[in-house]
């Protein structure tokens, strides 16, 4: 079966890009949609690989031509997915993976309710802050304001977890990749309508453990880690 649309979202610094890169090495017939953005490239990013980097004027012209499946402004920059990518993937007999934020997920899900949605979370606020600081140092940026803003945004984004089908807590890379792979392959198996073999049953079992309904307690713990501690009693 081809033509399944997978949507993956995560707060900045959750390690989503690394997970997606690993996933694509293990799962065949899965295309990755390269989004358009008006932000400048970071570090070693290349045009056409991580993003299509275009000007604000070019992006707004695409909006006028109704060329986006979804788009949003994040931290003052546009991000968007072109409508053409999904059709092209279907024509090649492949599934498509969209890496978009919570705003984009809502836009796409309203148009395509059959899409599979996956939310990647950091294990805690402390771990997310550590990752954001490492990224800032690697990019030559040392802005407390930027880190604080991204942490505040992450807290708000995590509250949208209820909109997603699956939750992956990115605590250990190898295990997180295994869970993500199980979700993608599990959905293929489930939608094929064929009886699963023993290996396929293992994928389905792993995927089921990642369903939102199974992850509520862990998500609550992560959200609680973003809340300030209560004041000490005197």
C-alpha atoms as a PDB file:
ATOM      1  CA  UNK A   1       0.000   0.000   0.000  1.00  0.00           C
ATOM      2  CA  UNK A   2       1.294   3.463  -0.817  1.00  0.00           C
ATOM      3  CA  UNK A   3       0.212   7.000  -0.248  1.00  0.00           C
ATOM      4  CA  UNK A   4       0.159   7.055   3.561  1.00  0.00           C
ATOM      5  CA  UNK A   5       0.889  10.505   4.930  1.00  0.00           C
ATOM      6  CA  UNK A   6       2.892  10.617   8.165  1.00  0.00           C
ATOM      7  CA  UNK A   7       3.218  13.876  10.091  1.00  0.00           C
ATOM      8  CA  UNK A   8       5.955  14.284  12.696  1.00  0.00           C
ATOM      9  CA  UNK A   9       6.188  17.289  15.014  1.00  0.00           C
ATOM     10  CA  UNK A  10       8.337  18.222  18.000  1.00  0.00           C
ATOM     11  CA  UNK A  11       9.493  21.206  20.027  1.00  0.00           C
ATOM     12  CA  UNK A  12      12.762  22.718  18.840  1.00  0.00           C
ATOM     13  CA  UNK A  13      15.685  20.774  20.323  1.00  0.00           C
ATOM     14  CA  UNK A  14      13.833  17.479  20.814  1.00  0.00           C
ATOM     15  CA  UNK A  15      16.115  15.622  18.390  1.00  0.00           C
ATOM     16  CA  UNK A  16      13.467  15.119  15.730  1.00  0.00           C
ATOM     17  CA  UNK A  17      15.805  15.762  12.783  1.00  0.00           C
ATOM     18  CA  UNK A  18      18.237  13.081  13.969  1.00  0.00           C
ATOM     19  CA  UNK A  19      15.375  10.607  14.441  1.00  0.00           C
ATOM     20  CA  UNK A  20      13.999  11.280  10.964  1.00  0.00           C
ATOM     21  CA  UNK A  21      17.426  10.865   9.365  1.00  0.00           C
ATOM     22  CA  UNK A  22      17.868   7.518  11.114  1.00  0.00           C
ATOM     23  CA  UNK A  23      14.346   6.383  10.236  1.00  0.00           C
ATOM     24  CA  UNK A  24      14.870   7.009   6.536  1.00  0.00           C
ATOM     25  CA  UNK A  25      17.824   4.605   6.529  1.00  0.00           C
ATOM     26  CA  UNK A  26      15.655   1.719   7.762  1.00  0.00           C
ATOM     27  CA  UNK A  27      12.260   2.237   6.123  1.00  0.00           C
ATOM     28  CA  UNK A  28      11.987   1.810   2.334  1.00  0.00           C
ATOM     29  CA  UNK A  29       9.510   3.646   0.094  1.00  0.00           C
ATOM     30  CA  UNK A  30       9.266   6.563   2.499  1.00  0.00           C
ATOM     31  CA  UNK A  31       9.858   9.988   1.018  1.00  0.00           C
ATOM     32  CA  UNK A  32      10.706  13.018   3.118  1.00  0.00           C
ATOM     33  CA  UNK A  33       9.051  16.294   2.252  1.00  0.00           C
ATOM     34  CA  UNK A  34      11.538  19.154   2.120  1.00  0.00           C
ATOM     35  CA  UNK A  35       9.720  22.243   3.366  1.00  0.00           C
ATOM     36  CA  UNK A  36      10.132  25.807   2.167  1.00  0.00           C
ATOM     37  CA  UNK A  37      11.321  28.474   4.586  1.00  0.00           C
ATOM     38  CA  UNK A  38      12.338  32.111   4.650  1.00  0.00           C
ATOM     39  CA  UNK A  39      14.830  31.672   7.495  1.00  0.00           C
ATOM     40  CA  UNK A  40      18.549  31.589   6.631  1.00  0.00           C
ATOM     41  CA  UNK A  41      20.463  28.268   6.640  1.00  0.00           C
ATOM     42  CA  UNK A  42      22.075  27.182   9.924  1.00  0.00           C
ATOM     43  CA  UNK A  43      25.464  25.542  10.221  1.00  0.00           C
ATOM     44  CA  UNK A  44      25.971  22.968   7.462  1.00  0.00           C
ATOM     45  CA  UNK A  45      22.397  23.075   6.138  1.00  0.00           C
ATOM     46  CA  UNK A  46      22.087  22.989   2.366  1.00  0.00           C
ATOM     47  CA  UNK A  47      19.358  24.304   0.111  1.00  0.00           C
ATOM     48  CA  UNK A  48      17.138  21.446  -1.067  1.00  0.00           C
ATOM     49  CA  UNK A  49      18.337  19.055   1.655  1.00  0.00           C
ATOM     50  CA  UNK A  50      17.069  20.362   5.001  1.00  0.00           C
ATOM     51  CA  UNK A  51      14.863  23.081   3.457  1.00  0.00           C
ATOM     52  CA  UNK A  52      14.233  25.013   0.289  1.00  0.00           C
ATOM     53  CA  UNK A  53      15.515  28.431   1.369  1.00  0.00           C
ATOM     54  CA  UNK A  54      13.622  31.214  -0.403  1.00  0.00           C
ATOM     55  CA  UNK A  55      12.922  34.901   0.125  1.00  0.00           C
ATOM     56  CA  UNK A  56       9.870  36.232   1.904  1.00  0.00           C
ATOM     57  CA  UNK A  57       8.615  37.646  -1.388  1.00  0.00           C
ATOM     58  CA  UNK A  58       8.925  34.274  -3.110  1.00  0.00           C
ATOM     59  CA  UNK A  59       7.108  32.549  -0.257  1.00  0.00           C
ATOM     60  CA  UNK A  60       4.247  35.042  -0.264  1.00  0.00           C
ATOM     61  CA  UNK A  61       3.918  34.640  -4.043  1.00  0.00           C
ATOM     62  CA  UNK A  62       3.470  30.881  -3.499  1.00  0.00           C
ATOM     63  CA  UNK A  63       0.774  31.635  -0.916  1.00  0.00           C
ATOM     64  CA  UNK A  64      -1.028  33.805  -3.462  1.00  0.00           C
ATOM     65  CA  UNK A  65      -0.912  30.935  -5.976  1.00  0.00           C
ATOM     66  CA  UNK A  66      -2.352  28.537  -3.338  1.00  0.00           C
ATOM     67  CA  UNK A  67       0.653  26.216  -3.646  1.00  0.00           C
ATOM     68  CA  UNK A  68       0.923  25.196   0.010  1.00  0.00           C
ATOM     69  CA  UNK A  69      -0.671  22.245   1.762  1.00  0.00           C
ATOM     70  CA  UNK A  70       0.122  24.103   4.983  1.00  0.00           C
ATOM     71  CA  UNK A  71       2.218  27.044   6.091  1.00  0.00           C
ATOM     72  CA  UNK A  72       2.875  29.067   9.222  1.00  0.00           C
ATOM     73  CA  UNK A  73       5.048  31.789  10.693  1.00  0.00           C
ATOM     74  CA  UNK A  74       7.404  30.698  13.466  1.00  0.00           C
ATOM     75  CA  UNK A  75       9.761  33.139  15.192  1.00  0.00           C
ATOM     76  CA  UNK A  76       9.173  35.626  12.374  1.00  0.00           C
ATOM     77  CA  UNK A  77       9.931  33.235   9.505  1.00  0.00           C
ATOM     78  CA  UNK A  78       7.621  31.381   7.136  1.00  0.00           C
ATOM     79  CA  UNK A  79       7.631  27.574   6.871  1.00  0.00           C
ATOM     80  CA  UNK A  80       5.452  25.629   4.444  1.00  0.00           C
ATOM     81  CA  UNK A  81       4.831  22.359   2.600  1.00  0.00           C
ATOM     82  CA  UNK A  82       4.062  22.431  -1.126  1.00  0.00           C
ATOM     83  CA  UNK A  83       0.944  20.561  -2.257  1.00  0.00           C
ATOM     84  CA  UNK A  84       2.843  18.928  -5.102  1.00  0.00           C
ATOM     85  CA  UNK A  85       5.009  16.702  -2.868  1.00  0.00           C
ATOM     86  CA  UNK A  86       2.213  14.380  -1.746  1.00  0.00           C
ATOM     87  CA  UNK A  87       0.944  13.729  -5.256  1.00  0.00           C
ATOM     88  CA  UNK A  88       4.468  13.111  -6.532  1.00  0.00           C
ATOM     89  CA  UNK A  89       5.100  10.564  -3.758  1.00  0.00           C
ATOM     90  CA  UNK A  90       1.863   8.733  -4.586  1.00  0.00           C
ATOM     91  CA  UNK A  91       2.784   8.597  -8.273  1.00  0.00           C
ATOM     92  CA  UNK A  92       6.074   6.931  -7.314  1.00  0.00           C
ATOM     93  CA  UNK A  93       4.255   4.427  -5.085  1.00  0.00           C
ATOM     94  CA  UNK A  94       5.741   5.844  -1.882  1.00  0.00           C
ATOM     95  CA  UNK A  95       4.517   7.114   1.463  1.00  0.00           C
ATOM     96  CA  UNK A  96       5.345  10.656   2.563  1.00  0.00           C
ATOM     97  CA  UNK A  97       6.744  11.990   5.835  1.00  0.00           C
ATOM     98  CA  UNK A  98       6.057  15.628   6.728  1.00  0.00           C
ATOM     99  CA  UNK A  99       8.182  17.350   9.355  1.00  0.00           C
ATOM    100  CA  UNK A 100       5.938  20.244  10.429  1.00  0.00           C
ATOM    101  CA  UNK A 101       4.974  22.139  13.582  1.00  0.00           C
ATOM    102  CA  UNK A 102       1.754  21.913  15.569  1.00  0.00           C
ATOM    103  CA  UNK A 103       0.113  24.673  13.519  1.00  0.00           C
ATOM    104  CA  UNK A 104       0.845  22.852  10.271  1.00  0.00           C
ATOM    105  CA  UNK A 105      -0.345  19.537  11.697  1.00  0.00           C
ATOM    106  CA  UNK A 106      -3.777  21.030  12.410  1.00  0.00           C
ATOM    107  CA  UNK A 107      -4.031  22.448   8.904  1.00  0.00           C
ATOM    108  CA  UNK A 108      -3.115  19.164   7.222  1.00  0.00           C
ATOM    109  CA  UNK A 109      -5.175  16.938   9.533  1.00  0.00           C
ATOM    110  CA  UNK A 110      -8.297  18.987   8.798  1.00  0.00           C
ATOM    111  CA  UNK A 111      -7.778  18.357   5.084  1.00  0.00           C
ATOM    112  CA  UNK A 112      -6.533  14.765   5.441  1.00  0.00           C
ATOM    113  CA  UNK A 113      -7.969  13.162   8.602  1.00  0.00           C
ATOM    114  CA  UNK A 114      -6.486   9.792   7.603  1.00  0.00           C
ATOM    115  CA  UNK A 115      -2.928  11.132   8.081  1.00  0.00           C
ATOM    116  CA  UNK A 116      -0.839   9.448  10.809  1.00  0.00           C
ATOM    117  CA  UNK A 117       0.424  11.982  13.353  1.00  0.00           C
ATOM    118  CA  UNK A 118       3.462  11.500  15.599  1.00  0.00           C
ATOM    119  CA  UNK A 119       4.664  13.872  18.326  1.00  0.00           C
ATOM    120  CA  UNK A 120       8.270  13.638  19.539  1.00  0.00           C
ATOM    121  CA  UNK A 121       8.954  14.870  23.072  1.00  0.00           C
ATOM    122  CA  UNK A 122      12.090  15.472  25.114  1.00  0.00           C
ATOM    123  CA  UNK A 123      12.237  13.445  28.338  1.00  0.00           C
ATOM    124  CA  UNK A 124      12.196  16.613  30.476  1.00  0.00           C
ATOM    125  CA  UNK A 125      12.612  20.373  30.452  1.00  0.00           C
ATOM    126  CA  UNK A 126      16.154  20.033  31.830  1.00  0.00           C
ATOM    127  CA  UNK A 127      17.189  17.732  28.987  1.00  0.00           C
ATOM    128  CA  UNK A 128      15.590  20.012  26.398  1.00  0.00           C
ATOM    129  CA  UNK A 129      17.429  23.028  27.814  1.00  0.00           C
ATOM    130  CA  UNK A 130      20.720  21.098  27.680  1.00  0.00           C
ATOM    131  CA  UNK A 131      20.145  20.191  24.027  1.00  0.00           C
ATOM    132  CA  UNK A 132      19.183  23.758  23.121  1.00  0.00           C
ATOM    133  CA  UNK A 133      22.347  25.108  24.741  1.00  0.00           C
ATOM    134  CA  UNK A 134      24.520  22.590  22.869  1.00  0.00           C
ATOM    135  CA  UNK A 135      22.859  23.549  19.598  1.00  0.00           C
ATOM    136  CA  UNK A 136      23.332  27.255  20.323  1.00  0.00           C
ATOM    137  CA  UNK A 137      27.041  26.748  20.991  1.00  0.00           C
ATOM    138  CA  UNK A 138      27.469  24.735  17.783  1.00  0.00           C
ATOM    139  CA  UNK A 139      25.758  27.535  15.827  1.00  0.00           C
ATOM    140  CA  UNK A 140      27.906  30.197  17.496  1.00  0.00           C
ATOM    141  CA  UNK A 141      24.887  31.736  19.213  1.00  0.00           C
ATOM    142  CA  UNK A 142      24.759  32.360  22.947  1.00  0.00           C
ATOM    143  CA  UNK A 143      21.454  34.058  23.644  1.00  0.00           C
ATOM    144  CA  UNK A 144      19.651  33.411  26.904  1.00  0.00           C
ATOM    145  CA  UNK A 145      16.608  35.159  25.486  1.00  0.00           C
ATOM    146  CA  UNK A 146      16.461  32.753  22.520  1.00  0.00           C
ATOM    147  CA  UNK A 147      16.791  29.685  24.751  1.00  0.00           C
ATOM    148  CA  UNK A 148      14.142  30.960  27.165  1.00  0.00           C
ATOM    149  CA  UNK A 149      11.785  31.741  24.273  1.00  0.00           C
ATOM    150  CA  UNK A 150      12.234  28.263  22.807  1.00  0.00           C
ATOM    151  CA  UNK A 151      11.601  26.641  26.188  1.00  0.00           C
ATOM    152  CA  UNK A 152       8.415  28.677  26.636  1.00  0.00           C
ATOM    153  CA  UNK A 153       7.320  27.756  23.110  1.00  0.00           C
ATOM    154  CA  UNK A 154       8.074  24.087  23.786  1.00  0.00           C
ATOM    155  CA  UNK A 155       5.792  24.117  26.837  1.00  0.00           C
ATOM    156  CA  UNK A 156       2.933  25.506  24.755  1.00  0.00           C
ATOM    157  CA  UNK A 157       3.575  23.078  21.894  1.00  0.00           C
ATOM    158  CA  UNK A 158       3.627  20.041  24.185  1.00  0.00           C
ATOM    159  CA  UNK A 159       0.121  20.949  25.337  1.00  0.00           C
ATOM    160  CA  UNK A 160      -1.004  20.076  21.787  1.00  0.00           C
ATOM    161  CA  UNK A 161      -0.065  16.414  22.237  1.00  0.00           C
ATOM    162  CA  UNK A 162      -3.765  15.469  22.383  1.00  0.00           C
ATOM    163  CA  UNK A 163      -4.039  16.219  18.661  1.00  0.00           C
ATOM    164  CA  UNK A 164      -1.595  13.419  17.793  1.00  0.00           C
ATOM    165  CA  UNK A 165      -2.038   9.672  17.322  1.00  0.00           C
ATOM    166  CA  UNK A 166       1.355   8.550  18.636  1.00  0.00           C
ATOM    167  CA  UNK A 167       3.872   9.901  21.146  1.00  0.00           C
ATOM    168  CA  UNK A 168       7.619   9.138  21.043  1.00  0.00           C
ATOM    169  CA  UNK A 169       9.725  10.289  23.983  1.00  0.00           C
ATOM    170  CA  UNK A 170      13.229  10.767  22.626  1.00  0.00           C
ATOM    171  CA  UNK A 171      15.292   9.679  25.616  1.00  0.00           C
ATOM    172  CA  UNK A 172      17.649   7.111  24.028  1.00  0.00           C
ATOM    173  CA  UNK A 173      18.255   7.459  20.302  1.00  0.00           C
ATOM    174  CA  UNK A 174      18.346   3.801  19.261  1.00  0.00           C
ATOM    175  CA  UNK A 175      15.177   2.916  21.168  1.00  0.00           C
ATOM    176  CA  UNK A 176      13.401   6.030  19.892  1.00  0.00           C
ATOM    177  CA  UNK A 177      14.269   5.139  16.288  1.00  0.00           C
ATOM    178  CA  UNK A 178      12.945   1.606  16.874  1.00  0.00           C
ATOM    179  CA  UNK A 179       9.652   3.006  18.180  1.00  0.00           C
ATOM    180  CA  UNK A 180       9.338   5.412  15.262  1.00  0.00           C
ATOM    181  CA  UNK A 181      10.065   2.634  12.775  1.00  0.00           C
ATOM    182  CA  UNK A 182       7.437   0.425  14.434  1.00  0.00           C
ATOM    183  CA  UNK A 183       4.819   3.167  14.109  1.00  0.00           C
ATOM    184  CA  UNK A 184       5.492   3.689  10.403  1.00  0.00           C
ATOM    185  CA  UNK A 185       5.646  -0.014   9.531  1.00  0.00           C
ATOM    186  CA  UNK A 186       2.788  -0.837  11.898  1.00  0.00           C
ATOM    187  CA  UNK A 187       0.474   1.559  10.091  1.00  0.00           C
ATOM    188  CA  UNK A 188       1.422  -0.010   6.762  1.00  0.00           C
ATOM    189  CA  UNK A 189       0.674  -3.463   8.133  1.00  0.00           C
ATOM    190  CA  UNK A 190      -2.618  -2.382   9.692  1.00  0.00           C
ATOM    191  CA  UNK A 191      -3.855  -0.658   6.546  1.00  0.00           C
ATOM    192  CA  UNK A 192      -2.851  -3.532   4.275  1.00  0.00           C
ATOM    193  CA  UNK A 193      -5.629  -5.682   5.749  1.00  0.00           C
ATOM    194  CA  UNK A 194      -3.418  -8.784   5.623  1.00  0.00           C
ATOM    195  CA  UNK A 195      -2.781 -11.046   8.645  1.00  0.00           C
ATOM    196  CA  UNK A 196       0.563 -10.029  10.193  1.00  0.00           C
ATOM    197  CA  UNK A 197       3.471 -12.433  10.451  1.00  0.00           C
ATOM    198  CA  UNK A 198       5.419 -12.844  13.715  1.00  0.00           C
ATOM    199  CA  UNK A 199       7.828  -9.967  12.989  1.00  0.00           C
ATOM    200  CA  UNK A 200       4.980  -7.726  11.902  1.00  0.00           C
ATOM    201  CA  UNK A 201       3.147  -8.483  15.147  1.00  0.00           C
ATOM    202  CA  UNK A 202       6.155  -7.160  17.064  1.00  0.00           C
ATOM    203  CA  UNK A 203       5.986  -3.903  15.126  1.00  0.00           C
ATOM    204  CA  UNK A 204       2.278  -3.617  15.883  1.00  0.00           C
ATOM    205  CA  UNK A 205       2.852  -4.293  19.594  1.00  0.00           C
ATOM    206  CA  UNK A 206       5.595  -1.669  19.824  1.00  0.00           C
ATOM    207  CA  UNK A 207       3.484   0.871  17.941  1.00  0.00           C
ATOM    208  CA  UNK A 208       0.519   0.247  20.235  1.00  0.00           C
ATOM    209  CA  UNK A 209       2.638   1.126  23.281  1.00  0.00           C
ATOM    210  CA  UNK A 210       3.249   4.542  21.690  1.00  0.00           C
ATOM    211  CA  UNK A 211      -0.431   5.381  21.248  1.00  0.00           C
ATOM    212  CA  UNK A 212      -1.346   8.638  22.944  1.00  0.00           C
ATOM    213  CA  UNK A 213      -3.784   6.848  25.257  1.00  0.00           C
ATOM    214  CA  UNK A 214      -0.911   4.688  26.575  1.00  0.00           C
ATOM    215  CA  UNK A 215       1.429   7.632  27.185  1.00  0.00           C
ATOM    216  CA  UNK A 216      -0.694  10.007  29.278  1.00  0.00           C
ATOM    217  CA  UNK A 217       1.185   9.503  32.562  1.00  0.00           C
ATOM    218  CA  UNK A 218       4.605   9.989  30.977  1.00  0.00           C
ATOM    219  CA  UNK A 219       3.440  13.109  29.139  1.00  0.00           C
ATOM    220  CA  UNK A 220       2.072  14.563  32.378  1.00  0.00           C
ATOM    221  CA  UNK A 221       5.470  14.052  33.992  1.00  0.00           C
ATOM    222  CA  UNK A 222       7.183  15.913  31.160  1.00  0.00           C
ATOM    223  CA  UNK A 223       4.690  18.784  31.349  1.00  0.00           C
ATOM    224  CA  UNK A 224       5.137  18.966  35.122  1.00  0.00           C
ATOM    225  CA  UNK A 225       8.902  19.371  34.635  1.00  0.00           C
ATOM    226  CA  UNK A 226       8.200  22.671  32.823  1.00  0.00           C
ATOM    227  CA  UNK A 227       6.237  24.087  35.750  1.00  0.00           C
ATOM    228  CA  UNK A 228       8.096  26.152  38.370  1.00  0.00           C
ATOM    229  CA  UNK A 229       8.486  24.493  41.779  1.00  0.00           C
ATOM    230  CA  UNK A 230       6.091  25.660  44.493  1.00  0.00           C
ATOM    231  CA  UNK A 231       7.434  28.354  46.831  1.00  0.00           C
ATOM    232  CA  UNK A 232       9.070  27.081  50.000  1.00  0.00           C
ATOM    233  CA  UNK A 233       6.998  27.306  53.147  1.00  0.00           C
ATOM    234  CA  UNK A 234       8.439  29.345  55.960  1.00  0.00           C
END
